[in-house]
C-alpha atoms as a PDB file:
ATOM      1  CA  UNK A   1      40.339 -13.383  -4.400  1.00  0.00           C
ATOM      2  CA  UNK A   2      39.189 -14.441  -7.846  1.00  0.00           C
ATOM      3  CA  UNK A   3      35.744 -13.256  -8.903  1.00  0.00           C
ATOM      4  CA  UNK A   4      33.667 -16.327  -9.890  1.00  0.00           C
ATOM      5  CA  UNK A   5      31.443 -14.161 -12.097  1.00  0.00           C
ATOM      6  CA  UNK A   6      34.318 -13.129 -14.368  1.00  0.00           C
ATOM      7  CA  UNK A   7      35.308 -15.198 -17.361  1.00  0.00           C
ATOM      8  CA  UNK A   8      38.661 -14.833 -19.054  1.00  0.00           C
ATOM      9  CA  UNK A   9      37.050 -15.523 -22.443  1.00  0.00           C
ATOM     10  CA  UNK A  10      38.874 -18.799 -23.061  1.00  0.00           C
ATOM     11  CA  UNK A  11      35.986 -21.059 -22.103  1.00  0.00           C
ATOM     12  CA  UNK A  12      32.870 -19.125 -23.040  1.00  0.00           C
ATOM     13  CA  UNK A  13      31.066 -22.239 -24.247  1.00  0.00           C
ATOM     14  CA  UNK A  14      31.923 -24.344 -21.219  1.00  0.00           C
ATOM     15  CA  UNK A  15      30.173 -23.660 -17.908  1.00  0.00           C
ATOM     16  CA  UNK A  16      32.410 -23.723 -14.840  1.00  0.00           C
ATOM     17  CA  UNK A  17      32.309 -26.887 -12.773  1.00  0.00           C
ATOM     18  CA  UNK A  18      30.502 -25.044  -9.999  1.00  0.00           C
ATOM     19  CA  UNK A  19      27.986 -23.322 -12.326  1.00  0.00           C
ATOM     20  CA  UNK A  20      25.034 -23.859  -9.958  1.00  0.00           C
ATOM     21  CA  UNK A  21      26.942 -22.239  -7.120  1.00  0.00           C
ATOM     22  CA  UNK A  22      27.995 -19.403  -9.419  1.00  0.00           C
ATOM     23  CA  UNK A  23      24.404 -18.926 -10.584  1.00  0.00           C
ATOM     24  CA  UNK A  24      23.273 -18.729  -6.941  1.00  0.00           C
ATOM     25  CA  UNK A  25      25.958 -16.098  -6.292  1.00  0.00           C
ATOM     26  CA  UNK A  26      24.846 -14.161  -9.369  1.00  0.00           C
ATOM     27  CA  UNK A  27      21.248 -14.291  -8.121  1.00  0.00           C
ATOM     28  CA  UNK A  28      22.289 -12.970  -4.697  1.00  0.00           C
ATOM     29  CA  UNK A  29      24.280 -10.150  -6.271  1.00  0.00           C
ATOM     30  CA  UNK A  30      21.322  -9.285  -8.491  1.00  0.00           C
ATOM     31  CA  UNK A  31      19.019  -9.087  -5.468  1.00  0.00           C
ATOM     32  CA  UNK A  32      21.513  -6.841  -3.678  1.00  0.00           C
ATOM     33  CA  UNK A  33      21.621  -4.517  -6.691  1.00  0.00           C
ATOM     34  CA  UNK A  34      17.830  -4.405  -6.846  1.00  0.00           C
ATOM     35  CA  UNK A  35      17.712  -3.547  -3.157  1.00  0.00           C
ATOM     36  CA  UNK A  36      20.189  -0.727  -3.798  1.00  0.00           C
ATOM     37  CA  UNK A  37      17.990   0.500  -6.678  1.00  0.00           C
ATOM     38  CA  UNK A  38      14.855   0.631  -4.565  1.00  0.00           C
ATOM     39  CA  UNK A  39      16.663   2.352  -1.713  1.00  0.00           C
ATOM     40  CA  UNK A  40      18.355   5.041  -3.790  1.00  0.00           C
ATOM     41  CA  UNK A  41      15.281   5.743  -5.949  1.00  0.00           C
ATOM     42  CA  UNK A  42      13.203   6.262  -2.804  1.00  0.00           C
ATOM     43  CA  UNK A  43      15.877   8.515  -1.336  1.00  0.00           C
ATOM     44  CA  UNK A  44      16.188  10.614  -4.488  1.00  0.00           C
ATOM     45  CA  UNK A  45      12.407  10.997  -4.750  1.00  0.00           C
ATOM     46  CA  UNK A  46      12.374  12.302  -1.185  1.00  0.00           C
ATOM     47  CA  UNK A  47      14.862  14.993  -2.216  1.00  0.00           C
ATOM     48  CA  UNK A  48      12.907  16.311  -5.212  1.00  0.00           C
ATOM     49  CA  UNK A  49       9.221  15.781  -4.467  1.00  0.00           C
ATOM     50  CA  UNK A  50       8.747  19.248  -2.941  1.00  0.00           C
ATOM     51  CA  UNK A  51       9.703  20.837  -6.286  1.00  0.00           C
ATOM     52  CA  UNK A  52       6.887  19.105  -8.199  1.00  0.00           C
ATOM     53  CA  UNK A  53       4.200  21.684  -9.017  1.00  0.00           C
ATOM     54  CA  UNK A  54       1.735  19.500 -10.909  1.00  0.00           C
ATOM     55  CA  UNK A  55      -0.597  17.876  -8.390  1.00  0.00           C
ATOM     56  CA  UNK A  56      -1.344  15.097 -10.853  1.00  0.00           C
ATOM     57  CA  UNK A  57       2.353  14.344 -11.343  1.00  0.00           C
ATOM     58  CA  UNK A  58       2.997  14.474  -7.606  1.00  0.00           C
ATOM     59  CA  UNK A  59       0.115  12.079  -6.935  1.00  0.00           C
ATOM     60  CA  UNK A  60       1.256   9.633  -9.606  1.00  0.00           C
ATOM     61  CA  UNK A  61       4.853   9.657  -8.418  1.00  0.00           C
ATOM     62  CA  UNK A  62       3.732   9.296  -4.796  1.00  0.00           C
ATOM     63  CA  UNK A  63       1.836   6.190  -5.963  1.00  0.00           C
ATOM     64  CA  UNK A  64       5.049   4.952  -7.604  1.00  0.00           C
ATOM     65  CA  UNK A  65       6.928   5.632  -4.378  1.00  0.00           C
ATOM     66  CA  UNK A  66       4.512   3.266  -2.607  1.00  0.00           C
ATOM     67  CA  UNK A  67       5.260   0.646  -5.266  1.00  0.00           C
ATOM     68  CA  UNK A  68       8.984   1.079  -4.512  1.00  0.00           C
ATOM     69  CA  UNK A  69       8.291   0.404  -0.851  1.00  0.00           C
ATOM     70  CA  UNK A  70       6.392  -2.801  -1.699  1.00  0.00           C
ATOM     71  CA  UNK A  71       9.251  -3.936  -3.940  1.00  0.00           C
ATOM     72  CA  UNK A  72      11.703  -3.285  -1.146  1.00  0.00           C
ATOM     73  CA  UNK A  73       9.553  -5.326   1.273  1.00  0.00           C
ATOM     74  CA  UNK A  74       9.413  -8.223  -1.196  1.00  0.00           C
ATOM     75  CA  UNK A  75      13.171  -8.127  -1.631  1.00  0.00           C
ATOM     76  CA  UNK A  76      13.562  -8.205   2.149  1.00  0.00           C
ATOM     77  CA  UNK A  77      11.273 -11.237   2.220  1.00  0.00           C
ATOM     78  CA  UNK A  78      13.374 -12.971  -0.448  1.00  0.00           C
ATOM     79  CA  UNK A  79      16.558 -12.261   1.511  1.00  0.00           C
ATOM     80  CA  UNK A  80      14.862 -13.764   4.549  1.00  0.00           C
ATOM     81  CA  UNK A  81      13.741 -16.837   2.584  1.00  0.00           C
ATOM     82  CA  UNK A  82      17.325 -17.263   1.345  1.00  0.00           C
ATOM     83  CA  UNK A  83      18.669 -16.910   4.906  1.00  0.00           C
ATOM     84  CA  UNK A  84      20.874 -14.097   3.636  1.00  0.00           C
ATOM     85  CA  UNK A  85      21.759 -10.879   5.351  1.00  0.00           C
ATOM     86  CA  UNK A  86      20.094  -7.782   4.006  1.00  0.00           C
ATOM     87  CA  UNK A  87      22.798  -5.949   2.086  1.00  0.00           C
ATOM     88  CA  UNK A  88      22.776  -3.795  -0.961  1.00  0.00           C
ATOM     89  CA  UNK A  89      25.308  -3.623  -3.752  1.00  0.00           C
ATOM     90  CA  UNK A  90      25.837  -0.480  -5.759  1.00  0.00           C
ATOM     91  CA  UNK A  91      24.205  -0.633  -9.179  1.00  0.00           C
ATOM     92  CA  UNK A  92      26.130   1.319 -11.820  1.00  0.00           C
ATOM     93  CA  UNK A  93      23.167   1.444 -14.219  1.00  0.00           C
ATOM     94  CA  UNK A  94      20.855   3.134 -11.714  1.00  0.00           C
ATOM     95  CA  UNK A  95      23.581   5.539 -10.636  1.00  0.00           C
ATOM     96  CA  UNK A  96      24.120   6.487 -14.288  1.00  0.00           C
ATOM     97  CA  UNK A  97      20.382   7.062 -14.842  1.00  0.00           C
ATOM     98  CA  UNK A  98      20.115   9.178 -11.690  1.00  0.00           C
ATOM     99  CA  UNK A  99      23.230  11.185 -12.591  1.00  0.00           C
ATOM    100  CA  UNK A 100      21.749  11.874 -16.010  1.00  0.00           C
ATOM    101  CA  UNK A 101      18.490  12.949 -14.362  1.00  0.00           C
ATOM    102  CA  UNK A 102      20.317  15.308 -12.024  1.00  0.00           C
ATOM    103  CA  UNK A 103      22.047  16.900 -15.022  1.00  0.00           C
ATOM    104  CA  UNK A 104      18.649  17.510 -16.629  1.00  0.00           C
ATOM    105  CA  UNK A 105      17.214  18.828 -13.379  1.00  0.00           C
ATOM    106  CA  UNK A 106      20.107  21.288 -13.165  1.00  0.00           C
ATOM    107  CA  UNK A 107      19.632  22.434 -16.767  1.00  0.00           C
ATOM    108  CA  UNK A 108      15.910  22.989 -16.154  1.00  0.00           C
ATOM    109  CA  UNK A 109      16.181  24.315 -12.606  1.00  0.00           C
ATOM    110  CA  UNK A 110      14.496  27.601 -13.660  1.00  0.00           C
ATOM    111  CA  UNK A 111      12.032  25.991 -16.088  1.00  0.00           C
ATOM    112  CA  UNK A 112       9.624  23.908 -14.050  1.00  0.00           C
ATOM    113  CA  UNK A 113       7.589  22.637 -17.010  1.00  0.00           C
ATOM    114  CA  UNK A 114      10.654  21.075 -18.628  1.00  0.00           C
ATOM    115  CA  UNK A 115      11.966  20.017 -15.207  1.00  0.00           C
ATOM    116  CA  UNK A 116       8.757  18.018 -14.705  1.00  0.00           C
ATOM    117  CA  UNK A 117       9.042  16.559 -18.215  1.00  0.00           C
ATOM    118  CA  UNK A 118      12.591  15.455 -17.355  1.00  0.00           C
ATOM    119  CA  UNK A 119      11.221  13.886 -14.162  1.00  0.00           C
ATOM    120  CA  UNK A 120       8.555  11.967 -16.090  1.00  0.00           C
ATOM    121  CA  UNK A 121      11.069  10.696 -18.641  1.00  0.00           C
ATOM    122  CA  UNK A 122      13.463   9.697 -15.871  1.00  0.00           C
ATOM    123  CA  UNK A 123      10.633   7.815 -14.166  1.00  0.00           C
ATOM    124  CA  UNK A 124       9.996   5.958 -17.415  1.00  0.00           C
ATOM    125  CA  UNK A 125      13.670   5.014 -17.752  1.00  0.00           C
ATOM    126  CA  UNK A 126      13.854   3.813 -14.158  1.00  0.00           C
ATOM    127  CA  UNK A 127      10.641   1.792 -14.492  1.00  0.00           C
ATOM    128  CA  UNK A 128      11.862   0.108 -17.679  1.00  0.00           C
ATOM    129  CA  UNK A 129      15.217  -0.688 -16.105  1.00  0.00           C
ATOM    130  CA  UNK A 130      13.439  -2.226 -13.129  1.00  0.00           C
ATOM    131  CA  UNK A 131      11.204  -4.313 -15.400  1.00  0.00           C
ATOM    132  CA  UNK A 132      14.281  -5.748 -17.098  1.00  0.00           C
ATOM    133  CA  UNK A 133      16.184  -6.265 -13.837  1.00  0.00           C
ATOM    134  CA  UNK A 134      13.306  -7.867 -11.942  1.00  0.00           C
ATOM    135  CA  UNK A 135      12.457 -10.017 -14.967  1.00  0.00           C
ATOM    136  CA  UNK A 136      16.047 -11.235 -15.214  1.00  0.00           C
ATOM    137  CA  UNK A 137      16.113 -11.958 -11.471  1.00  0.00           C
ATOM    138  CA  UNK A 138      12.860 -13.923 -11.782  1.00  0.00           C
ATOM    139  CA  UNK A 139      14.401 -16.060 -14.537  1.00  0.00           C
ATOM    140  CA  UNK A 140      17.442 -16.710 -12.361  1.00  0.00           C
ATOM    141  CA  UNK A 141      15.148 -17.742  -9.519  1.00  0.00           C
ATOM    142  CA  UNK A 142      13.259 -20.141 -11.794  1.00  0.00           C
ATOM    143  CA  UNK A 143      16.533 -21.701 -12.939  1.00  0.00           C
ATOM    144  CA  UNK A 144      17.498 -22.143  -9.291  1.00  0.00           C
ATOM    145  CA  UNK A 145      14.107 -23.784  -8.567  1.00  0.00           C
ATOM    146  CA  UNK A 146      13.228 -20.945  -6.221  1.00  0.00           C
ATOM    147  CA  UNK A 147       9.661 -20.491  -7.370  1.00  0.00           C
ATOM    148  CA  UNK A 148       8.588 -18.466  -4.338  1.00  0.00           C
ATOM    149  CA  UNK A 149      11.257 -15.834  -5.087  1.00  0.00           C
ATOM    150  CA  UNK A 150      10.424 -15.959  -8.808  1.00  0.00           C
ATOM    151  CA  UNK A 151       6.767 -15.255  -8.026  1.00  0.00           C
ATOM    152  CA  UNK A 152       7.587 -12.256  -5.828  1.00  0.00           C
ATOM    153  CA  UNK A 153       9.945 -10.872  -8.468  1.00  0.00           C
ATOM    154  CA  UNK A 154       7.357 -11.403 -11.216  1.00  0.00           C
ATOM    155  CA  UNK A 155       4.833  -9.412  -9.169  1.00  0.00           C
ATOM    156  CA  UNK A 156       7.323  -6.531  -9.131  1.00  0.00           C
ATOM    157  CA  UNK A 157       7.639  -6.726 -12.920  1.00  0.00           C
ATOM    158  CA  UNK A 158       3.872  -6.688 -13.285  1.00  0.00           C
ATOM    159  CA  UNK A 159       3.480  -3.678 -10.976  1.00  0.00           C
ATOM    160  CA  UNK A 160       6.057  -1.673 -12.937  1.00  0.00           C
ATOM    161  CA  UNK A 161       4.427  -2.592 -16.259  1.00  0.00           C
ATOM    162  CA  UNK A 162       0.989  -1.626 -14.936  1.00  0.00           C
ATOM    163  CA  UNK A 163       2.337   1.649 -13.576  1.00  0.00           C
ATOM    164  CA  UNK A 164       3.734   2.587 -16.982  1.00  0.00           C
ATOM    165  CA  UNK A 165       0.538   1.541 -18.759  1.00  0.00           C
ATOM    166  CA  UNK A 166      -1.925   3.162 -16.336  1.00  0.00           C
ATOM    167  CA  UNK A 167      -0.061   6.340 -15.496  1.00  0.00           C
ATOM    168  CA  UNK A 168       3.193   7.159 -17.239  1.00  0.00           C
ATOM    169  CA  UNK A 169       2.047   6.695 -20.832  1.00  0.00           C
ATOM    170  CA  UNK A 170      -0.848   9.158 -20.469  1.00  0.00           C
ATOM    171  CA  UNK A 171       1.180  11.517 -18.328  1.00  0.00           C
ATOM    172  CA  UNK A 172       3.994  11.620 -20.872  1.00  0.00           C
ATOM    173  CA  UNK A 173       1.518  12.329 -23.658  1.00  0.00           C
ATOM    174  CA  UNK A 174      -0.195  15.038 -21.588  1.00  0.00           C
ATOM    175  CA  UNK A 175       3.023  16.846 -20.703  1.00  0.00           C
ATOM    176  CA  UNK A 176       4.492  16.627 -24.221  1.00  0.00           C
ATOM    177  CA  UNK A 177       1.243  17.474 -26.034  1.00  0.00           C
ATOM    178  CA  UNK A 178       2.004  21.220 -26.279  1.00  0.00           C
ATOM    179  CA  UNK A 179       5.261  20.373 -28.082  1.00  0.00           C
ATOM    180  CA  UNK A 180       3.600  18.270 -30.806  1.00  0.00           C
ATOM    181  CA  UNK A 181       3.471  19.814 -34.298  1.00  0.00           C
END
């Protein structure tokens, strides 16, 4: 079966005749990838949280875990509003970020200070990816005149931005302060 999201490059300036349908499909696939992201990030956090020694870091990341759960609930609500089944689609970008994190965690397995720094930096990368992905999904929703979905997705963007501003920026500075010249 031909993938409607692929373009052979010959008609880049001409939208396909079923562009609205294709955009709707793209939106659905994007939601499925976001659902995968939230699910796998939550799962991975569950695997590593017992290794976190800093109570402040653990508390902040537990707070972020709760944000993940709210994002997942909103995505489930959007799927319900779309009358779509709740399915996830593997997201290569998140898998790559998590694989990179696991490499760092392995390198620093006997150095908990640097292991926690790697965890903070990974959290930053994941949060920024999610801001971009949720923002893009919100724009798709707006273009599809699905303002309810766009609003829910925009709330997710705002929560990630606030999390970085309120917690991760200071935490990054605090953990990296001893390394400053």
